[in-house]
Amino acid sequence: MLDYSKCIKLISTSFKDFKNNFAKEKEQIRNLIDTIKKIDLKWIKNAYQSNFSEKVEILQPVENEIIVEDKRLTLGPINDLKENKWAFDLIKEKSVLGIDTSELFTTHYYPFFVLLNVGICYYNYKKNEYFETSSPSIYSKDTIEYVEDDRSMPLVINRLRLENELQTITDLIKEKSINECFTFFDESFSSNYLRSSNRSVIESIASNLKKNLDSYINFGLYPIGVIYTLSRGFVNFLKNVLDIKDINISDKQIFNELLKPGQRSCIFKVNNLVTNIGGLSIFAFYLKISENNVLRIEFDERIKEYADEISKIVFLQSVIGGGYPLCMQRAHELAYISQEERIYIYNLIEEELIKQGVKLNEFGFTRKQERKIERII
């Protein structure tokens, strides 16, 4: 448990100058916004890309206006997200699909295993059709050949997430007639975290991601990544082309000040190590839902023409969901593996091994792991 007395001292020290630092940061934001409002995007979007470093992510504008507005959205009563009937009226011809994945794995327990659970939430507003489910998959040590050690697990999980999400949606497409559906993913499209990995790992994950995007678009879906992020891709772009120094604010902070609820930023071309190595053509924009609630939306170049429609659907789903897309909330709830479910899975494995005549002390069910299962940390 936490040492409260130490926490009190640490917090007092860490946030001692927060008010002054926050004021300086707000001043930085105001100054940068003044600069942004004066720049000519028609010129700046053609900045020479070879000057960009692969070590940082760059978001390069590809539209002439920094702010794009849909009057139907910004006229809604968005100050109170509980008043959302108008959002249902605007989304009634569309269909949405939310998908999320959670996992349970351990390196303390023998035999080693990974359990992935994919949550799906589908709603067709035109036909008033609703469908939700979860789809678990389990992997043993024998079926995951690429696990080397504990440090490789995050990459293994990411690869398995992509494979299972694709399989789940493929099965769903076969079962139900779904097309022209806006399909919401969370961190599945956000690949910049791989920048510290070696080239072979980046190529492998990017290949999986490209395969998934190809399949979804061939299915007639519109795959979009909806992400909360503190990335500085646009700030990095401005620092590069305008030679601005010592700016350490995030894109989200800028667009929270620039945008009104319902407005989106211009579209950006995503340039980072992963997109360059993987040959991915990813675009993005920022969308303001409400005050201090700004989402980054990513999508494949092949559905770039639907950017305004994507912005509209994500915003309306977020209004209906009280600030975040409803279909993603439900998908997350369906994918989530609770503490009780974790214990249940361990008990099932234990029972199966006992049936095979394996003694508990032979497969390494340690007291340490027992306590971790009983009191999830």
Protein backbone atom coordinates (compact mmCIF):
# COMPACT_ATOMS: atom_id res chain seq x y z
CA MET A 1 0.00 0.00 0.00
CA LEU A 2 1.05 3.61 -0.41
CA ASP A 3 3.10 5.39 2.21
CA TYR A 4 0.82 8.42 2.59
CA SER A 5 3.29 10.57 4.49
CA LYS A 6 5.87 10.13 1.74
CA CYS A 7 3.25 10.87 -0.93
CA ILE A 8 2.30 14.11 0.81
CA LYS A 9 5.93 15.25 0.77
CA LEU A 10 6.49 14.14 -2.83
CA ILE A 11 3.36 15.88 -4.13
CA SER A 12 4.19 19.05 -2.21
CA THR A 13 7.65 19.09 -3.80
CA SER A 14 6.61 18.02 -7.32
CA PHE A 15 3.80 20.55 -7.70
CA LYS A 16 5.36 23.39 -5.76
CA ASP A 17 5.70 25.71 -8.76
CA PHE A 18 2.77 24.34 -10.76
CA LYS A 19 0.80 27.60 -10.82
CA ASN A 20 3.74 29.59 -12.22
CA ASN A 21 4.72 26.87 -14.70
CA PHE A 22 1.10 26.53 -15.84
CA ALA A 23 0.89 30.27 -16.47
CA LYS A 24 4.10 30.13 -18.55
CA GLU A 25 2.71 27.19 -20.51
CA LYS A 26 -0.54 29.04 -21.22
CA GLU A 27 1.49 32.00 -22.46
CA GLN A 28 3.45 29.66 -24.76
CA ILE A 29 0.19 28.31 -26.14
CA ARG A 30 -1.23 31.81 -26.77
CA ASN A 31 1.94 32.90 -28.56
CA LEU A 32 2.03 29.76 -30.69
CA ILE A 33 -1.63 30.12 -31.63
CA ASP A 34 -0.98 33.69 -32.73
CA THR A 35 1.79 32.32 -34.95
CA ILE A 36 -0.45 29.56 -36.33
CA LYS A 37 -3.21 32.01 -37.23
CA LYS A 38 -0.73 34.08 -39.26
CA ILE A 39 0.91 31.28 -41.23
CA ASP A 40 -0.11 30.47 -44.78
CA LEU A 41 -0.89 26.75 -44.86
CA LYS A 42 -1.02 26.84 -48.66
CA TRP A 43 2.72 27.46 -48.52
CA ILE A 44 3.69 25.64 -45.37
CA LYS A 45 2.05 22.31 -46.28
CA ASN A 46 4.58 21.95 -49.11
CA ALA A 47 7.54 22.04 -46.74
CA TYR A 48 10.37 19.86 -47.94
CA GLN A 49 9.90 16.50 -46.19
CA SER A 50 13.50 15.33 -46.44
CA ASN A 51 14.36 17.89 -43.75
CA PHE A 52 12.25 16.01 -41.22
CA SER A 53 13.99 13.73 -38.76
CA GLU A 54 12.85 10.12 -38.45
CA LYS A 55 13.52 10.32 -34.72
CA VAL A 56 10.40 12.37 -34.03
CA GLU A 57 6.88 12.25 -35.38
CA ILE A 58 5.87 15.01 -37.78
CA LEU A 59 2.25 15.86 -38.66
CA GLN A 60 2.31 17.74 -41.96
CA PRO A 61 -0.82 19.71 -42.95
CA VAL A 62 -2.39 18.72 -46.27
CA GLU A 63 -5.31 21.20 -46.24
CA ASN A 64 -5.27 24.95 -46.61
CA GLU A 65 -7.36 25.84 -43.54
CA ILE A 66 -6.31 25.00 -39.99
CA ILE A 67 -9.93 24.75 -38.74
CA VAL A 68 -12.77 22.88 -40.47
CA GLU A 69 -16.34 23.27 -39.26
CA ASP A 70 -19.62 21.46 -39.85
CA LYS A 71 -22.42 23.86 -38.86
CA ARG A 72 -24.75 20.96 -38.08
CA LEU A 73 -22.41 19.88 -35.28
CA THR A 74 -21.35 23.18 -33.77
CA LEU A 75 -24.98 24.33 -33.47
CA GLY A 76 -25.89 21.42 -31.20
CA PRO A 77 -26.33 21.96 -27.41
CA ILE A 78 -22.88 20.53 -26.74
CA ASN A 79 -22.26 22.34 -23.47
CA ASP A 80 -24.42 19.68 -21.83
CA LEU A 81 -23.58 16.31 -23.34
CA LYS A 82 -26.63 14.79 -21.65
CA GLU A 83 -28.80 16.69 -24.13
CA ASN A 84 -28.03 14.38 -27.04
CA LYS A 85 -31.29 13.67 -28.86
CA TRP A 86 -30.17 15.93 -31.70
CA ALA A 87 -27.10 13.69 -32.17
CA PHE A 88 -29.30 10.63 -32.72
CA ASP A 89 -31.19 12.57 -35.39
CA LEU A 90 -27.95 13.33 -37.30
CA ILE A 91 -26.50 9.82 -37.08
CA LYS A 92 -29.70 7.91 -37.92
CA GLU A 93 -28.56 6.86 -41.43
CA LYS A 94 -25.21 5.43 -40.30
CA SER A 95 -23.79 2.28 -38.74
CA VAL A 96 -20.87 2.04 -36.30
CA LEU A 97 -18.72 -0.78 -34.98
CA GLY A 98 -16.49 -0.51 -31.92
CA ILE A 99 -13.73 -3.02 -31.19
CA ASP A 100 -11.37 -3.33 -28.25
CA THR A 101 -9.07 -6.01 -26.84
CA SER A 102 -7.76 -6.83 -23.39
CA GLU A 103 -5.38 -9.54 -22.30
CA LEU A 104 -4.37 -11.73 -19.39
CA PHE A 105 -0.91 -13.24 -19.31
CA THR A 106 1.69 -14.20 -16.76
CA THR A 107 5.34 -15.14 -16.65
CA HIS A 108 5.06 -16.39 -13.03
CA TYR A 109 2.68 -19.20 -13.79
CA TYR A 110 3.55 -22.47 -15.46
CA PRO A 111 2.38 -23.35 -18.06
CA PHE A 112 2.81 -19.97 -19.68
CA PHE A 113 -0.29 -18.65 -21.50
CA VAL A 114 -1.84 -15.54 -23.03
CA LEU A 115 -5.60 -14.94 -23.03
CA LEU A 116 -6.95 -12.26 -25.37
CA ASN A 117 -10.54 -11.12 -25.24
CA VAL A 118 -11.97 -9.06 -28.12
CA GLY A 119 -15.07 -6.96 -27.46
CA ILE A 120 -17.40 -5.98 -30.30
CA CYS A 121 -20.28 -3.49 -30.32
CA TYR A 122 -22.25 -2.86 -33.54
CA TYR A 123 -25.17 -0.51 -34.10
CA ASN A 124 -26.98 0.21 -37.35
CA TYR A 125 -28.99 3.36 -36.70
CA LYS A 126 -30.80 3.13 -40.03
CA LYS A 127 -32.13 -0.39 -39.45
CA ASN A 128 -32.14 -0.11 -35.65
CA GLU A 129 -29.98 -3.26 -35.42
CA TYR A 130 -27.82 -3.82 -32.37
CA PHE A 131 -25.23 -6.53 -31.72
CA GLU A 132 -22.52 -7.00 -29.13
CA THR A 133 -20.33 -9.91 -28.07
CA SER A 134 -16.89 -10.88 -26.83
CA SER A 135 -14.52 -13.41 -28.37
CA PRO A 136 -11.73 -14.95 -26.24
CA SER A 137 -8.62 -16.69 -27.62
CA ILE A 138 -5.95 -18.49 -25.61
CA TYR A 139 -2.33 -19.20 -26.53
CA SER A 140 0.10 -21.55 -24.83
CA LYS A 141 3.89 -21.48 -24.96
CA ASP A 142 3.79 -23.96 -27.84
CA THR A 143 1.59 -21.70 -29.99
CA ILE A 144 3.62 -18.49 -29.52
CA GLU A 145 7.01 -19.19 -31.00
CA TYR A 146 8.20 -15.59 -30.91
CA VAL A 147 8.21 -15.06 -27.11
CA GLU A 148 11.84 -14.57 -26.13
CA ASP A 149 11.60 -13.03 -22.65
CA ASP A 150 9.47 -10.70 -20.51
CA ARG A 151 10.63 -7.64 -22.45
CA SER A 152 9.19 -8.95 -25.71
CA MET A 153 5.68 -9.43 -24.29
CA PRO A 154 4.28 -5.97 -25.16
CA LEU A 155 5.17 -6.52 -28.84
CA VAL A 156 3.80 -10.06 -28.75
CA ILE A 157 0.54 -8.76 -27.28
CA ASN A 158 0.31 -6.04 -29.93
CA ARG A 159 0.77 -8.57 -32.73
CA LEU A 160 -1.83 -10.90 -31.22
CA ARG A 161 -4.25 -8.00 -30.78
CA LEU A 162 -4.03 -7.16 -34.47
CA GLU A 163 -4.44 -10.81 -35.51
CA ASN A 164 -7.42 -11.40 -33.22
CA GLU A 165 -9.19 -8.18 -34.11
CA LEU A 166 -8.93 -9.04 -37.80
CA GLN A 167 -10.19 -12.58 -37.24
CA THR A 168 -13.09 -11.39 -35.08
CA ILE A 169 -14.23 -8.85 -37.66
CA THR A 170 -13.77 -11.39 -40.50
CA ASP A 171 -16.04 -13.83 -38.65
CA LEU A 172 -18.56 -11.06 -37.98
CA ILE A 173 -18.64 -10.06 -41.66
CA LYS A 174 -19.40 -13.66 -42.61
CA GLU A 175 -22.19 -13.88 -40.04
CA LYS A 176 -23.85 -10.53 -40.68
CA SER A 177 -24.26 -8.24 -43.66
CA ILE A 178 -22.11 -5.27 -42.65
CA ASN A 179 -20.68 -2.66 -45.01
CA GLU A 180 -20.16 1.10 -45.18
CA CYS A 181 -19.65 0.91 -41.43
CA PHE A 182 -17.48 3.31 -39.44
CA THR A 183 -15.25 0.98 -37.43
CA PHE A 184 -13.65 2.40 -34.28
CA PHE A 185 -10.31 1.19 -32.93
CA ASP A 186 -8.27 2.63 -30.09
CA GLU A 187 -4.48 2.30 -29.90
CA SER A 188 -4.34 -0.30 -32.70
CA PHE A 189 -3.43 2.41 -35.24
CA SER A 190 -1.04 4.32 -33.01
CA SER A 191 2.29 2.84 -34.04
CA ASN A 192 4.68 5.60 -32.99
CA TYR A 193 5.42 3.76 -29.72
CA LEU A 194 7.50 1.33 -31.83
CA ARG A 195 10.12 3.95 -32.68
CA SER A 196 12.55 2.55 -30.09
CA SER A 197 12.22 -1.01 -31.45
CA ASN A 198 14.60 -2.54 -33.96
CA ARG A 199 13.78 -2.44 -37.66
CA SER A 200 12.67 -6.08 -37.93
CA VAL A 201 10.09 -5.60 -35.14
CA ILE A 202 8.76 -2.43 -36.74
CA GLU A 203 8.47 -4.15 -40.12
CA SER A 204 6.62 -7.08 -38.55
CA ILE A 205 4.04 -5.00 -36.66
CA ALA A 206 3.59 -2.58 -39.57
CA SER A 207 3.00 -5.55 -41.87
CA ASN A 208 0.24 -6.81 -39.56
CA LEU A 209 -1.31 -3.36 -39.41
CA LYS A 210 -1.20 -2.96 -43.20
CA LYS A 211 -2.81 -6.39 -43.67
CA ASN A 212 -5.62 -5.42 -41.29
CA LEU A 213 -6.26 -2.08 -43.00
CA ASP A 214 -6.31 -3.73 -46.43
CA SER A 215 -8.83 -6.30 -45.21
CA TYR A 216 -11.14 -3.81 -43.49
CA ILE A 217 -11.28 -1.53 -46.51
CA ASN A 218 -11.91 -4.52 -48.79
CA PHE A 219 -14.78 -5.48 -46.48
CA GLY A 220 -16.34 -2.07 -47.13
CA LEU A 221 -15.54 -0.76 -43.65
CA TYR A 222 -14.08 2.62 -42.74
CA PRO A 223 -11.38 1.82 -40.13
CA ILE A 224 -10.54 4.75 -37.88
CA GLY A 225 -8.28 5.02 -34.84
CA VAL A 226 -9.62 7.16 -31.99
CA ILE A 227 -6.87 8.09 -29.56
CA TYR A 228 -6.20 10.26 -26.55
CA THR A 229 -2.61 11.37 -26.92
CA LEU A 230 -0.03 13.86 -25.70
CA SER A 231 1.95 13.64 -28.95
CA ARG A 232 3.57 16.73 -30.48
CA GLY A 233 3.57 15.89 -34.17
CA PHE A 234 2.14 19.24 -35.29
CA VAL A 235 4.31 21.14 -32.80
CA ASN A 236 7.35 19.29 -34.19
CA PHE A 237 6.30 20.33 -37.68
CA LEU A 238 6.05 24.00 -36.67
CA LYS A 239 9.37 23.88 -34.83
CA ASN A 240 10.96 22.40 -37.94
CA VAL A 241 9.61 24.70 -40.64
CA LEU A 242 9.43 27.91 -38.58
CA ASP A 243 12.61 27.27 -36.56
CA ILE A 244 10.80 27.69 -33.23
CA LYS A 245 12.80 26.77 -30.13
CA ASP A 246 11.89 25.52 -26.65
CA ILE A 247 8.22 24.73 -27.23
CA ASN A 248 7.18 21.74 -25.12
CA ILE A 249 3.40 21.74 -25.39
CA SER A 250 1.24 19.05 -26.96
CA ASP A 251 -0.95 19.18 -30.06
CA LYS A 252 -3.96 18.56 -27.83
CA GLN A 253 -3.27 21.77 -25.87
CA ILE A 254 -3.08 23.79 -29.09
CA PHE A 255 -6.27 22.42 -30.60
CA ASN A 256 -8.19 22.70 -27.36
CA GLU A 257 -7.61 26.46 -27.65
CA LEU A 258 -8.05 26.70 -31.42
CA LEU A 259 -11.17 24.59 -31.87
CA LYS A 260 -14.75 24.86 -30.74
CA PRO A 261 -16.65 21.66 -29.85
CA GLY A 262 -17.62 19.94 -33.11
CA GLN A 263 -14.76 21.45 -35.11
CA ARG A 264 -11.81 19.47 -36.45
CA SER A 265 -8.32 20.52 -37.40
CA CYS A 266 -6.96 20.31 -40.91
CA ILE A 267 -5.89 16.85 -42.08
CA PHE A 268 -2.27 15.90 -41.44
CA LYS A 269 0.01 13.41 -43.13
CA VAL A 270 1.61 11.26 -40.40
CA ASN A 271 5.37 11.00 -40.85
CA ASN A 272 7.25 8.86 -38.34
CA LEU A 273 9.75 6.03 -38.27
CA VAL A 274 7.04 3.36 -38.34
CA THR A 275 5.03 4.76 -41.25
CA ASN A 276 8.24 5.26 -43.24
CA ILE A 277 9.66 1.78 -42.61
CA GLY A 278 6.29 0.05 -42.93
CA GLY A 279 5.21 1.90 -46.06
CA LEU A 280 1.99 3.02 -44.32
CA SER A 281 0.07 6.01 -45.59
CA ILE A 282 -1.73 7.28 -42.49
CA PHE A 283 -3.53 10.60 -42.09
CA ALA A 284 -4.91 12.26 -38.97
CA PHE A 285 -6.81 15.22 -37.58
CA TYR A 286 -7.73 16.51 -34.13
CA LEU A 287 -11.39 16.75 -33.14
CA LYS A 288 -12.69 18.71 -30.17
CA ILE A 289 -15.58 17.05 -28.34
CA SER A 290 -15.84 19.40 -25.38
CA GLU A 291 -13.55 21.59 -23.29
CA ASN A 292 -10.22 19.80 -22.67
CA ASN A 293 -11.58 16.75 -24.48
CA VAL A 294 -9.69 16.52 -27.78
CA LEU A 295 -9.34 13.30 -29.76
CA ARG A 296 -6.80 12.42 -32.42
CA ILE A 297 -8.41 10.55 -35.32
CA GLU A 298 -6.23 8.40 -37.62
CA PHE A 299 -7.18 6.69 -40.88
CA ASP A 300 -5.74 5.17 -44.04
CA GLU A 301 -5.18 7.40 -47.07
CA ARG A 302 -7.70 5.35 -49.05
CA ILE A 303 -10.60 6.72 -46.98
CA LYS A 304 -9.25 10.27 -46.78
CA GLU A 305 -12.20 11.54 -48.85
CA TYR A 306 -14.48 10.55 -45.96
CA ALA A 307 -12.66 12.78 -43.44
CA ASP A 308 -15.62 15.12 -42.88
CA GLU A 309 -17.99 12.18 -42.48
CA ILE A 310 -15.55 10.48 -40.09
CA SER A 311 -15.34 13.69 -38.04
CA LYS A 312 -19.13 13.89 -37.90
CA ILE A 313 -19.64 10.25 -36.84
CA VAL A 314 -16.91 10.31 -34.17
CA PHE A 315 -18.31 13.53 -32.73
CA LEU A 316 -21.92 12.32 -32.69
CA GLN A 317 -20.92 9.00 -31.13
CA SER A 318 -18.99 10.95 -28.49
CA VAL A 319 -21.98 13.18 -27.75
CA ILE A 320 -24.22 10.11 -27.45
CA GLY A 321 -21.58 8.51 -25.19
CA GLY A 322 -21.33 11.55 -22.92
CA GLY A 323 -17.85 12.58 -24.12
CA TYR A 324 -16.36 9.47 -25.72
CA PRO A 325 -17.71 7.26 -28.55
CA LEU A 326 -20.42 5.01 -27.14
CA CYS A 327 -19.52 2.01 -29.31
CA MET A 328 -15.94 2.15 -28.00
CA GLN A 329 -17.11 2.33 -24.40
CA ARG A 330 -19.24 -0.77 -24.88
CA ALA A 331 -16.47 -2.62 -26.74
CA HIS A 332 -14.10 -1.87 -23.87
CA GLU A 333 -16.58 -3.13 -21.28
CA LEU A 334 -17.09 -6.32 -23.28
CA ALA A 335 -13.34 -6.87 -23.70
CA TYR A 336 -12.40 -6.14 -20.09
CA ILE A 337 -11.32 -9.14 -18.00
CA SER A 338 -12.37 -8.59 -14.38
CA GLN A 339 -10.58 -9.82 -11.26
CA GLU A 340 -13.22 -12.53 -10.77
CA GLU A 341 -12.80 -13.66 -14.38
CA ARG A 342 -9.02 -13.79 -13.97
CA ILE A 343 -9.35 -16.07 -10.94
CA TYR A 344 -11.84 -18.21 -12.86
CA ILE A 345 -9.37 -18.69 -15.74
CA TYR A 346 -6.56 -19.68 -13.36
CA ASN A 347 -8.88 -22.15 -11.64
CA LEU A 348 -9.88 -23.68 -14.99
CA ILE A 349 -6.24 -24.19 -15.95
CA GLU A 350 -5.49 -25.66 -12.55
CA GLU A 351 -8.44 -28.09 -12.85
CA GLU A 352 -7.37 -29.15 -16.35
CA LEU A 353 -3.83 -29.91 -15.20
CA ILE A 354 -5.09 -31.87 -12.20
CA LYS A 355 -7.28 -33.94 -14.55
CA GLN A 356 -4.11 -34.81 -16.44
CA GLY A 357 -2.49 -35.98 -13.21
CA VAL A 358 -0.14 -33.02 -12.84
CA LYS A 359 0.57 -32.07 -9.23
CA LEU A 360 0.19 -28.40 -8.40
CA ASN A 361 3.75 -28.05 -7.13
CA GLU A 362 5.03 -29.44 -10.44
CA PHE A 363 3.75 -26.59 -12.60
CA GLY A 364 5.03 -23.70 -10.52
CA PHE A 365 1.87 -22.29 -9.03
CA THR A 366 3.86 -20.22 -6.51
CA ARG A 367 2.56 -18.56 -3.39
CA LYS A 368 3.64 -15.26 -4.91
CA GLN A 369 1.35 -15.82 -7.88
CA GLU A 370 -1.43 -17.04 -5.61
CA ARG A 371 -1.38 -13.74 -3.75
CA LYS A 372 -1.27 -11.77 -7.00
CA ILE A 373 -4.34 -13.58 -8.26
CA GLU A 374 -6.24 -13.06 -5.02
CA ARG A 375 -5.26 -9.39 -4.79
CA ILE A 376 -4.78 -8.05 -8.31
CA ILE A 377 -2.09 -5.34 -8.41
